[in-house]
């Protein structure tokens, strides 16, 4: 098409085989859009195109992705509010005729398998490295493995007993994300051959981090979940032939000195705030130093 359609918070640039969605800057722009920056959506990744009346004198052009085509939407699993759906373009009502034109053009460009689930991801997830702070720990993903480093003040005793966790992509079957805007939000890693999801509450499960007020917000935890999910799906074809690496637990290998230093700094902050006694601080510091 080669055209550009600008709406509130986003601009859609139409190409011959895809649409580039660029999320514009602005005070009221959803933080998820800011985190995504821009996304290229192949037309073959779309299931349908809808045009509807929006709120307060607007119209909404909605490109609906195929199931399984976008790791972000697969991880979200229908939990995103309309206002932060990256596939919705909100326009002034006076541009309805123009929106109808582009809706028809997009429908014409849909692939022959539009109604079928996608066999693979067709839209790229945010690229690692990624990390965010949950209520009970810090989650990090470097493209090869996911690490959970528990916080002294938030993690349950079950998680502290299990120790910090590292999961290689090859050991994972998927992810389960529950929005922090929903009660008991969390990010859970699903291990191959592991227990059923939900066998343990997320705050007791070493394969999960839980969210709280200001911890694990959508714009940080959802792109993280999408990136992990995409890496897991990409690794699946090699599972039958490649030997699986065991999941590493704390103590299996020497810790990164930078990670230890960061952890000690965190303990120092708790100590200065009066949340740890001198003896507790010294004992935990000695434990961390022993892992070097």
Protein backbone atom coordinates (compact mmCIF):
# COMPACT_ATOMS: atom_id res chain seq x y z
CA UNK A 1 0.00 0.00 0.00
CA UNK A 2 2.80 2.38 0.84
CA UNK A 3 0.56 4.70 2.90
CA UNK A 4 0.61 6.06 6.43
CA UNK A 5 -2.35 6.29 8.81
CA UNK A 6 -1.85 8.30 12.00
CA UNK A 7 -4.06 7.90 15.05
CA UNK A 8 -3.88 8.60 18.75
CA UNK A 9 -0.72 7.06 20.25
CA UNK A 10 0.32 5.22 17.08
CA UNK A 11 1.09 5.50 13.36
CA UNK A 12 0.54 2.60 10.97
CA UNK A 13 2.81 2.45 7.92
CA UNK A 14 1.52 0.04 5.29
CA UNK A 15 3.95 -1.95 3.16
CA UNK A 16 3.39 -4.60 0.51
CA UNK A 17 3.47 -7.52 2.95
CA UNK A 18 3.24 -5.99 6.41
CA UNK A 19 2.25 -3.01 8.51
CA UNK A 20 4.76 -1.22 10.73
CA UNK A 21 3.14 0.05 13.91
CA UNK A 22 5.09 2.90 15.49
CA UNK A 23 3.90 3.99 18.91
CA UNK A 24 4.10 7.76 19.25
CA UNK A 25 5.43 9.62 22.26
CA UNK A 26 3.05 11.39 24.56
CA UNK A 27 2.15 11.96 28.19
CA UNK A 28 -0.95 9.80 27.99
CA UNK A 29 0.58 7.05 25.90
CA UNK A 30 0.25 3.64 27.62
CA UNK A 31 3.55 2.47 29.10
CA UNK A 32 3.28 -0.81 27.20
CA UNK A 33 3.35 1.10 23.90
CA UNK A 34 6.39 3.01 25.08
CA UNK A 35 8.13 -0.26 25.94
CA UNK A 36 7.31 -1.82 22.56
CA UNK A 37 8.47 1.18 20.52
CA UNK A 38 7.47 -0.26 17.17
CA UNK A 39 6.34 -3.61 15.79
CA UNK A 40 6.21 -5.02 12.27
CA UNK A 41 3.12 -7.16 11.70
CA UNK A 42 3.08 -9.36 8.57
CA UNK A 43 -0.34 -9.53 6.97
CA UNK A 44 -0.16 -13.31 7.21
CA UNK A 45 -0.18 -12.88 11.01
CA UNK A 46 -3.69 -11.34 10.92
CA UNK A 47 -6.98 -13.19 11.27
CA UNK A 48 -9.43 -10.35 10.61
CA UNK A 49 -9.87 -6.57 10.53
CA UNK A 50 -12.63 -4.75 12.37
CA UNK A 51 -13.84 -1.16 12.39
CA UNK A 52 -16.03 0.07 15.21
CA UNK A 53 -17.22 3.23 16.94
CA UNK A 54 -14.96 4.29 19.80
CA UNK A 55 -15.48 6.50 22.80
CA UNK A 56 -15.82 10.28 22.76
CA UNK A 57 -16.01 10.87 19.03
CA UNK A 58 -13.53 8.29 17.79
CA UNK A 59 -13.43 5.22 15.56
CA UNK A 60 -11.24 2.17 16.14
CA UNK A 61 -9.42 0.18 13.49
CA UNK A 62 -8.63 -3.21 15.00
CA UNK A 63 -6.37 -5.75 13.31
CA UNK A 64 -7.01 -9.08 15.05
CA UNK A 65 -3.97 -11.41 15.10
CA UNK A 66 -4.19 -15.12 14.41
CA UNK A 67 -3.95 -17.37 17.43
CA UNK A 68 -0.31 -18.26 18.00
CA UNK A 69 1.08 -15.68 15.57
CA UNK A 70 2.24 -13.12 18.15
CA UNK A 71 4.05 -14.25 21.33
CA UNK A 72 3.03 -11.03 23.09
CA UNK A 73 -0.68 -11.63 22.57
CA UNK A 74 -0.30 -15.35 23.24
CA UNK A 75 1.30 -14.61 26.61
CA UNK A 76 -1.33 -11.94 27.37
CA UNK A 77 -4.08 -14.53 26.77
CA UNK A 78 -6.86 -11.97 26.49
CA UNK A 79 -5.94 -10.08 29.67
CA UNK A 80 -5.00 -6.75 28.08
CA UNK A 81 -7.39 -3.87 28.47
CA UNK A 82 -8.65 -2.33 25.23
CA UNK A 83 -6.68 0.86 25.78
CA UNK A 84 -3.36 -1.02 25.74
CA UNK A 85 -4.11 -3.44 22.91
CA UNK A 86 -1.27 -2.76 20.41
CA UNK A 87 -3.48 -3.90 17.52
CA UNK A 88 -6.05 -1.12 18.00
CA UNK A 89 -5.64 2.22 16.22
CA UNK A 90 -7.91 4.95 17.57
CA UNK A 91 -8.75 7.80 15.16
CA UNK A 92 -10.97 10.90 15.22
CA UNK A 93 -14.51 10.14 14.03
CA UNK A 94 -14.10 12.47 11.04
CA UNK A 95 -11.51 10.03 9.64
CA UNK A 96 -13.98 7.13 9.56
CA UNK A 97 -14.13 7.04 5.75
CA UNK A 98 -10.35 6.83 5.55
CA UNK A 99 -10.34 4.12 8.23
CA UNK A 100 -12.91 2.14 6.21
CA UNK A 101 -10.65 2.32 3.16
CA UNK A 102 -7.66 0.90 5.05
CA UNK A 103 -9.80 -1.73 6.73
CA UNK A 104 -10.89 -2.97 3.28
CA UNK A 105 -7.30 -2.88 2.01
CA UNK A 106 -6.12 -4.93 4.98
CA UNK A 107 -8.88 -7.49 4.52
CA UNK A 108 -7.78 -7.91 0.90
CA UNK A 109 -4.20 -8.53 2.06
CA UNK A 110 -5.09 -11.28 4.55
CA UNK A 111 -3.48 -14.63 3.84
CA UNK A 112 -5.39 -17.78 2.79
CA UNK A 113 -4.88 -19.34 6.24
CA UNK A 114 -6.14 -16.28 8.14
CA UNK A 115 -8.81 -18.23 10.02
CA UNK A 116 -6.40 -20.97 11.09
CA UNK A 117 -4.05 -20.87 14.10
CA UNK A 118 -0.48 -20.01 13.14
CA UNK A 119 2.00 -22.89 13.20
CA UNK A 120 4.77 -20.59 14.40
CA UNK A 121 5.29 -17.07 15.67
CA UNK A 122 5.11 -14.56 12.83
CA UNK A 123 5.64 -11.41 14.91
CA UNK A 124 8.88 -10.77 16.76
CA UNK A 125 8.89 -10.46 20.54
CA UNK A 126 10.99 -7.80 22.30
CA UNK A 127 14.65 -8.80 22.21
CA UNK A 128 16.58 -9.84 25.32
CA UNK A 129 18.32 -9.05 27.56
CA UNK A 130 15.24 -8.19 29.60
CA UNK A 131 14.61 -7.92 33.31
CA UNK A 132 12.08 -6.62 35.81
CA UNK A 133 11.45 -6.53 39.53
CA UNK A 134 8.61 -8.65 40.87
CA UNK A 135 7.40 -8.46 44.45
CA UNK A 136 9.50 -11.41 45.62
CA UNK A 137 12.48 -11.33 43.27
CA UNK A 138 14.21 -10.03 40.19
CA UNK A 139 13.62 -11.83 36.89
CA UNK A 140 16.26 -11.74 34.15
CA UNK A 141 16.36 -13.26 30.65
CA UNK A 142 19.47 -13.22 28.47
CA UNK A 143 18.03 -15.16 25.53
CA UNK A 144 19.32 -18.52 26.75
CA UNK A 145 18.13 -18.81 30.32
CA UNK A 146 15.75 -17.22 32.83
CA UNK A 147 17.03 -16.38 36.31
CA UNK A 148 15.00 -15.62 39.42
CA UNK A 149 16.92 -13.94 42.25
CA UNK A 150 14.85 -13.79 45.41
CA UNK A 151 14.45 -10.65 47.52
CA UNK A 152 15.06 -10.96 51.23
CA UNK A 153 11.90 -9.07 52.09
CA UNK A 154 9.41 -10.51 49.58
CA UNK A 155 10.19 -14.17 48.90
CA UNK A 156 8.45 -16.93 50.83
CA UNK A 157 10.42 -19.34 53.01
CA UNK A 158 9.82 -22.04 50.38
CA UNK A 159 11.61 -19.97 47.77
CA UNK A 160 14.48 -19.08 50.08
CA UNK A 161 14.97 -22.77 50.88
CA UNK A 162 15.04 -23.58 47.14
CA UNK A 163 17.56 -20.81 46.49
CA UNK A 164 17.89 -18.57 43.47
CA UNK A 165 16.77 -20.30 40.29
CA UNK A 166 18.09 -20.56 36.73
CA UNK A 167 16.08 -22.24 33.96
CA UNK A 168 17.52 -22.89 30.51
CA UNK A 169 15.19 -22.32 27.56
CA UNK A 170 15.50 -25.98 26.57
CA UNK A 171 13.99 -27.04 29.88
CA UNK A 172 10.85 -24.95 29.43
CA UNK A 173 7.55 -25.80 27.78
CA UNK A 174 6.06 -22.32 28.02
CA UNK A 175 5.10 -19.48 30.33
CA UNK A 176 1.98 -18.51 32.23
CA UNK A 177 1.40 -14.80 32.78
CA UNK A 178 -1.29 -13.36 35.00
CA UNK A 179 -1.64 -9.61 34.75
CA UNK A 180 -0.52 -7.58 37.77
CA UNK A 181 -3.78 -5.70 37.32
CA UNK A 182 -5.58 -8.89 38.31
CA UNK A 183 -5.58 -10.28 41.85
CA UNK A 184 -2.67 -12.67 42.42
CA UNK A 185 -0.73 -11.69 39.29
CA UNK A 186 2.41 -13.69 38.53
CA UNK A 187 4.79 -15.03 35.90
CA UNK A 188 5.25 -18.80 36.03
CA UNK A 189 7.70 -20.84 33.95
CA UNK A 190 6.30 -24.17 32.77
CA UNK A 191 8.96 -26.87 32.85
CA UNK A 192 8.98 -29.83 30.49
CA UNK A 193 7.77 -32.92 32.31
CA UNK A 194 7.11 -30.82 35.40
CA UNK A 195 4.03 -30.60 37.55
CA UNK A 196 0.80 -29.18 36.22
CA UNK A 197 0.56 -25.40 36.21
CA UNK A 198 -1.03 -24.24 39.42
CA UNK A 199 0.07 -27.27 41.45
CA UNK A 200 1.55 -24.76 43.92
CA UNK A 201 0.53 -21.21 44.68
CA UNK A 202 2.81 -18.82 42.80
CA UNK A 203 4.27 -17.41 46.01
CA UNK A 204 5.41 -20.93 46.97
CA UNK A 205 6.56 -22.03 43.51
CA UNK A 206 10.30 -21.54 42.77
CA UNK A 207 9.42 -21.45 39.05
CA UNK A 208 7.28 -18.33 39.50
CA UNK A 209 7.58 -14.72 40.58
CA UNK A 210 4.60 -12.87 41.98
CA UNK A 211 3.49 -9.30 41.32
CA UNK A 212 2.40 -6.58 43.72
CA UNK A 213 1.69 -2.87 43.73
CA UNK A 214 4.44 -1.38 41.56
CA UNK A 215 6.12 -4.75 41.04
CA UNK A 216 5.95 -6.59 37.71
CA UNK A 217 3.94 -3.95 35.82
CA UNK A 218 2.41 -4.94 32.49
CA UNK A 219 4.87 -2.95 30.37
CA UNK A 220 7.81 -4.83 31.94
CA UNK A 221 6.55 -8.31 32.72
CA UNK A 222 4.50 -8.96 29.55
CA UNK A 223 7.30 -8.22 27.03
CA UNK A 224 9.54 -10.40 29.22
CA UNK A 225 7.02 -13.27 29.09
CA UNK A 226 6.66 -12.88 25.32
CA UNK A 227 10.43 -13.01 24.76
CA UNK A 228 10.76 -16.17 26.85
CA UNK A 229 7.80 -17.78 25.08
CA UNK A 230 9.27 -17.02 21.65
CA UNK A 231 12.63 -18.51 22.64
CA UNK A 232 10.91 -21.64 23.93
CA UNK A 233 8.89 -22.08 20.73
CA UNK A 234 11.98 -21.52 18.58
CA UNK A 235 13.85 -24.22 20.51
CA UNK A 236 11.11 -26.83 20.22
CA UNK A 237 12.17 -28.42 16.87
CA UNK A 238 15.56 -29.30 18.33
CA UNK A 239 14.21 -30.94 21.46
CA UNK A 240 14.10 -34.49 20.11
CA UNK A 241 17.70 -34.54 18.94
CA UNK A 242 19.54 -32.18 21.27
CA UNK A 243 20.46 -33.35 24.77
CA UNK A 244 18.62 -31.41 27.43
CA UNK A 245 20.64 -29.46 29.93
CA UNK A 246 19.48 -29.89 33.52
CA UNK A 247 17.90 -26.96 35.27
CA UNK A 248 20.60 -25.26 37.35
CA UNK A 249 19.77 -24.40 40.92
CA UNK A 250 21.61 -22.16 43.31
CA UNK A 251 24.78 -23.88 44.43
CA UNK A 252 25.25 -25.93 41.25
CA UNK A 253 27.78 -23.44 39.90
CA UNK A 254 29.66 -20.38 41.07
CA UNK A 255 27.61 -17.22 41.09
CA UNK A 256 28.43 -14.14 39.04
CA UNK A 257 30.51 -11.78 41.27
CA UNK A 258 28.47 -8.81 40.02
CA UNK A 259 25.29 -10.59 41.09
CA UNK A 260 26.76 -11.26 44.55
CA UNK A 261 27.84 -7.62 44.90
CA UNK A 262 24.37 -6.43 43.91
CA UNK A 263 22.81 -8.80 46.42
CA UNK A 264 25.08 -7.59 49.22
CA UNK A 265 24.19 -3.98 48.40
CA UNK A 266 20.53 -4.90 48.71
CA UNK A 267 21.17 -6.50 52.09
CA UNK A 268 23.04 -3.38 53.17
CA UNK A 269 20.04 -1.23 52.32
CA UNK A 270 17.79 -3.48 54.40
CA UNK A 271 20.30 -3.34 57.25
CA UNK A 272 20.47 0.45 57.16
CA UNK A 273 16.68 0.62 57.14
CA UNK A 274 16.59 -1.45 60.32
CA UNK A 275 14.94 -4.45 58.65
CA UNK A 276 17.91 -6.72 59.36
CA UNK A 277 19.86 -7.08 62.61
CA UNK A 278 23.65 -6.92 62.63
CA UNK A 279 23.84 -10.69 63.08
CA UNK A 280 21.36 -11.39 60.25
CA UNK A 281 23.23 -9.08 57.90
CA UNK A 282 26.63 -10.59 58.72
CA UNK A 283 25.36 -14.18 58.38
CA UNK A 284 23.68 -13.61 55.03
CA UNK A 285 26.65 -11.64 53.71
CA UNK A 286 28.96 -14.53 54.65
CA UNK A 287 26.66 -16.99 52.82
CA UNK A 288 26.80 -14.91 49.65
CA UNK A 289 30.56 -14.44 49.79
CA UNK A 290 30.98 -18.21 50.20
CA UNK A 291 29.31 -18.69 46.79
CA UNK A 292 32.10 -16.82 44.95
